[in-house]
Structures are given as C-alpha cells and as structure tokens.
Protein backbone atom coordinates (compact mmCIF):
# COMPACT_ATOMS: atom_id res chain seq x y z
CA MET A 1 -29.78 -18.45 3.58
CA GLU A 2 -27.49 -20.98 1.88
CA TYR A 3 -25.14 -19.71 -0.81
CA SER A 4 -24.03 -21.49 -3.94
CA ILE A 5 -20.40 -21.42 -4.96
CA GLU A 6 -21.27 -18.87 -7.69
CA SER A 7 -22.83 -16.59 -5.05
CA LEU A 8 -19.70 -17.02 -2.94
CA LYS A 9 -17.60 -15.85 -5.92
CA MET A 10 -19.86 -12.82 -6.39
CA ILE A 11 -19.45 -11.79 -2.74
CA ILE A 12 -15.65 -12.06 -2.99
CA GLU A 13 -15.63 -10.05 -6.24
CA SER A 14 -17.79 -7.35 -4.65
CA ASN A 15 -15.12 -7.02 -1.92
CA ASP A 16 -12.40 -6.12 -4.45
CA GLY A 17 -11.43 -9.74 -5.00
CA ILE A 18 -10.61 -10.62 -1.39
CA ALA A 19 -12.93 -11.33 1.53
CA SER A 20 -12.44 -12.32 5.14
CA ALA A 21 -14.24 -15.23 6.76
CA LYS A 22 -16.17 -12.67 8.85
CA GLN A 23 -17.30 -10.72 5.76
CA LEU A 24 -18.54 -13.96 4.22
CA THR A 25 -20.40 -15.14 7.33
CA ASP A 26 -21.91 -11.65 7.74
CA LYS A 27 -23.39 -12.13 4.23
CA GLY A 28 -24.90 -15.46 5.31
CA VAL A 29 -22.27 -17.82 3.86
CA SER A 30 -22.06 -20.97 6.00
CA ARG A 31 -18.81 -22.71 6.92
CA LEU A 32 -19.95 -25.64 4.79
CA ALA A 33 -20.37 -23.44 1.68
CA LEU A 34 -16.92 -21.95 2.34
CA TYR A 35 -15.43 -25.43 2.74
CA GLN A 36 -17.12 -26.60 -0.48
CA GLY A 37 -15.68 -23.60 -2.32
CA LEU A 38 -12.22 -24.51 -1.06
CA ILE A 39 -12.35 -28.24 -1.87
CA SER A 40 -13.83 -27.58 -5.32
CA GLY A 41 -10.84 -25.32 -6.03
CA MET A 42 -13.14 -22.41 -6.88
CA ILE A 43 -11.72 -20.25 -4.07
CA VAL A 44 -8.38 -20.38 -2.26
CA LYS A 45 -7.13 -19.19 1.07
CA GLU A 46 -4.93 -16.15 0.44
CA SER A 47 -3.78 -15.80 4.06
CA HIS A 48 -5.15 -16.48 7.52
CA GLY A 49 -8.92 -15.91 7.31
CA LYS A 50 -8.82 -14.25 3.84
CA TYR A 51 -10.15 -15.81 0.65
CA VAL A 52 -9.78 -15.06 -3.07
CA ILE A 53 -11.22 -16.55 -6.24
CA ALA A 54 -8.82 -19.21 -7.57
CA ASP A 55 -8.79 -18.18 -11.22
CA ASN A 56 -8.31 -14.47 -10.48
CA GLN A 57 -4.92 -12.90 -10.16
CA PRO A 58 -5.50 -10.82 -7.02
CA ASP A 59 -4.17 -7.28 -6.92
CA GLU A 60 -0.96 -7.61 -4.92
CA TYR A 61 -1.12 -4.04 -3.61
CA ARG A 62 -4.64 -4.59 -2.28
CA THR A 63 -3.94 -8.10 -0.98
CA ILE A 64 -0.92 -7.02 1.06
CA GLN A 65 -2.56 -3.88 2.43
CA ASN A 66 -5.57 -5.96 3.43
CA ARG A 67 -3.36 -7.71 5.99
CA SER A 68 -3.32 -4.61 8.23
CA PRO A 69 -4.85 -1.11 8.16
CA LYS A 70 -1.44 0.23 9.29
CA LEU A 71 0.36 -0.72 6.06
CA ILE A 72 0.78 2.45 3.96
CA TYR A 73 2.55 2.39 0.60
CA SER A 74 5.43 4.83 0.61
CA HIS A 75 8.75 5.79 -1.02
CA GLY A 76 9.20 4.41 -4.57
CA THR A 77 5.93 2.47 -4.52
CA ALA A 78 3.88 5.56 -3.68
CA LEU A 79 5.79 7.60 -6.28
CA PHE A 80 4.90 4.98 -8.92
CA LEU A 81 1.20 5.13 -7.93
CA HIS A 82 1.36 8.95 -8.06
CA GLY A 83 2.85 8.75 -11.57
CA LEU A 84 6.10 10.38 -10.44
CA SER A 85 8.17 7.28 -11.18
CA ASP A 86 7.99 5.27 -14.38
CA ARG A 87 9.67 2.29 -12.77
CA VAL A 88 7.32 -0.53 -11.74
CA PRO A 89 8.39 -1.46 -8.19
CA HIS A 90 9.97 -4.91 -7.81
CA GLU A 91 9.90 -4.42 -4.05
CA LEU A 92 6.87 -2.77 -2.49
CA ASP A 93 7.80 -0.02 0.00
CA ILE A 94 5.53 0.00 3.03
CA THR A 95 5.64 2.24 6.09
CA VAL A 96 4.30 1.14 9.48
CA PRO A 97 4.44 2.69 12.96
CA GLN A 98 7.49 1.78 15.05
CA GLY A 99 6.89 -1.32 17.12
CA ASP A 100 4.43 -2.97 14.74
CA ASN A 101 5.13 -6.65 14.17
CA VAL A 102 5.17 -7.36 10.44
CA SER A 103 7.26 -10.55 10.52
CA ARG A 104 4.42 -12.74 9.21
CA ILE A 105 3.79 -10.37 6.28
CA LYS A 106 7.53 -10.23 5.50
CA LYS A 107 7.57 -14.02 5.47
CA ASP A 108 4.49 -14.32 3.23
CA TYR A 109 5.58 -11.53 0.83
CA GLU A 110 9.31 -11.48 0.21
CA ASN A 111 9.01 -8.59 -2.26
CA THR A 112 8.21 -6.07 0.50
CA ARG A 113 10.52 -3.55 2.15
CA PHE A 114 9.34 -2.07 5.43
CA HIS A 115 10.07 1.39 6.76
CA TYR A 116 9.27 2.40 10.32
CA CYS A 117 8.34 5.83 11.60
CA LYS A 118 7.28 7.41 14.88
CA LYS A 119 3.66 6.64 15.71
CA GLU A 120 2.76 10.34 15.83
CA LEU A 121 4.03 10.85 12.25
CA TRP A 122 2.74 7.60 10.73
CA ASP A 123 -0.63 8.98 9.55
CA LEU A 124 0.76 12.27 8.17
CA GLY A 125 -0.23 12.64 4.52
CA ILE A 126 -2.26 9.45 3.94
CA VAL A 127 -4.32 9.61 0.73
CA ASP A 128 -6.14 7.14 -1.52
CA ALA A 129 -4.69 5.97 -4.82
CA VAL A 130 -5.73 3.54 -7.53
CA THR A 131 -3.55 0.54 -8.35
CA PRO A 132 -2.79 -0.55 -11.94
CA GLN A 133 -5.58 -3.15 -11.58
CA GLY A 134 -8.07 -0.48 -10.50
CA TYR A 135 -8.31 -1.04 -6.75
CA GLU A 136 -8.08 1.66 -4.09
CA VAL A 137 -5.19 1.57 -1.60
CA LYS A 138 -3.69 3.94 0.97
CA ILE A 139 -0.46 5.73 0.10
CA TYR A 140 1.38 8.84 1.27
CA ASP A 141 0.84 12.12 -0.59
CA LEU A 142 3.63 13.62 -2.71
CA GLU A 143 4.94 15.91 0.03
CA ARG A 144 5.28 13.02 2.47
CA CYS A 145 7.00 10.90 -0.23
CA ILE A 146 9.52 13.65 -0.95
CA CYS A 147 10.29 14.06 2.77
CA ASP A 148 10.72 10.28 3.12
CA LEU A 149 13.10 10.20 0.14
CA ILE A 150 15.22 13.03 1.55
CA ARG A 151 15.35 11.32 4.98
CA ASP A 152 16.25 7.91 3.49
CA LYS A 153 18.39 9.13 0.58
CA LYS A 154 21.13 6.53 1.15
CA SER A 155 18.73 3.61 0.69
CA VAL A 156 16.81 4.99 -2.33
CA ASP A 157 17.67 4.18 -5.96
CA ILE A 158 19.46 7.25 -7.36
CA GLN A 159 17.38 7.33 -10.59
CA ILE A 160 14.08 7.24 -8.69
CA TYR A 161 15.40 9.90 -6.29
CA THR A 162 16.60 12.25 -9.04
CA GLN A 163 13.47 11.91 -11.19
CA ALA A 164 11.15 12.49 -8.21
CA MET A 165 13.06 15.55 -6.96
CA LYS A 166 13.20 17.20 -10.40
CA GLU A 167 9.55 16.56 -11.22
CA TYR A 168 8.23 17.52 -7.79
CA PHE A 169 10.21 20.72 -7.24
CA SER A 170 9.94 21.95 -10.85
CA ALA A 171 6.24 21.26 -11.48
CA LYS A 172 4.25 19.84 -8.55
CA CYS A 173 5.65 21.63 -5.51
CA ASN A 174 3.24 22.77 -2.80
CA PRO A 175 5.62 25.06 -0.82
CA ARG A 176 3.47 25.50 2.29
CA LYS A 177 2.70 21.82 2.66
CA ILE A 178 6.23 20.52 2.00
CA VAL A 179 7.75 23.00 4.48
CA LYS A 180 5.13 22.08 7.10
CA TYR A 181 5.98 18.36 6.69
CA ALA A 182 9.73 19.07 6.59
CA ARG A 183 9.54 20.84 9.96
CA GLN A 184 7.92 17.79 11.53
CA PHE A 185 10.71 15.57 10.16
CA ASN A 186 13.49 18.06 11.06
CA ILE A 187 14.65 18.43 7.43
CA GLU A 188 13.39 21.94 6.69
CA SER A 189 16.80 23.31 5.63
CA LYS A 190 17.32 20.44 3.14
CA VAL A 191 13.86 20.97 1.64
CA ARG A 192 14.41 24.72 1.32
CA THR A 193 17.71 24.05 -0.48
CA TYR A 194 15.91 21.85 -3.04
CA MET A 195 13.24 24.54 -3.46
CA GLU A 196 15.92 27.13 -4.27
CA VAL A 197 18.05 24.92 -6.53
CA LEU A 198 15.28 23.22 -8.49
C-alpha cells in the first residue's frame, strides 16, 4: 500500500510526533514516500532514523528519551515533572547506567546533564509521567529523586534542593519506601535525619 504525505503525517502524529524508519516501513510506508516527505519539507529527520513533522514543535522530553530506553529523567527535571519544583529546567537531568555511551546525545542536545549510576540501581523507582506537552516519559519516583538529591547535594541548585526537601518530608513522605531506597544507596542515616528534622 502506497501512502500519501498526509498519511505519513498521520502515522507520525499517532506515534507521539516522532517515528522511526522501521515504524514507518512496518505501516507500509515506502522509502520513496519517506523521501518525498523529506524533499517536500513536510517531515524532517530529527536524528538518525527518526522523523518528525516539520511544522510541529516536537516535545523535547519525548524526543530525547526516544533516543534510548535507558534515558530516565531524574533530579531537578523529574522533580519539575512531579510538580515538586516550580522551576522549568534549562538543563534536562538524565540518569543512565554506568558505562552507557551517550556522547552522541550530548552532542545533539547541549541542554542535557547526565548522571551515571550502578547498573543494578538504574531501574529502581522508574515511573511514568506526563510532559507539559502531554506526552508520556519515564522518570524516577519521588523517593528516588530525593535520594539522588541527597547523594548529589553539591551539584544541585540550593533552591531546588531546599524546596524539594521541605515539600517531600513535610507532606509527601513515604517513610518505608524512602528508607528502603536509602539503604540501597548507603544514605539511610542522612534520610532519617531529614525525617526527624522536617
């Protein structure tokens, strides 16, 4: 089945505004139709093998995370998506397992800051969240975010840190879960101190 450029746009839109060459060919889009979409300016290549509609502003959170299933939004970015920070992130905080090569992503997206963690702790606390543009992305839950902030306190903006600690420990604290996570990160005593003070 041959697709028109309008059909091509519909397929991309149905994939949250970004589609891989494989997703398009799986839907029956030929290389010629893809090429025609590109030369007409109707679609553009977002990155290697990924396409977006030219007149759409793609969701940056979704676009970046689409580059690898191992990119999880964390720290200040996750706090913003949880509603625990009112500051829109200028740099997107992303956590990946140690040893992952993200040099190409760093080069393509200068507004990213990468954090590395042990492979066995990388998937601890992954949840879904909705971006400001309405797309679903993977982020860490509140307990994981708080543990990450405590571990990386020196590199975290003091206002974001203070607001998150006060709001979490005064209103949103899940004592069992935060202590369980803190044990795995070897920061249990620090977490218990915050629980007592705040």
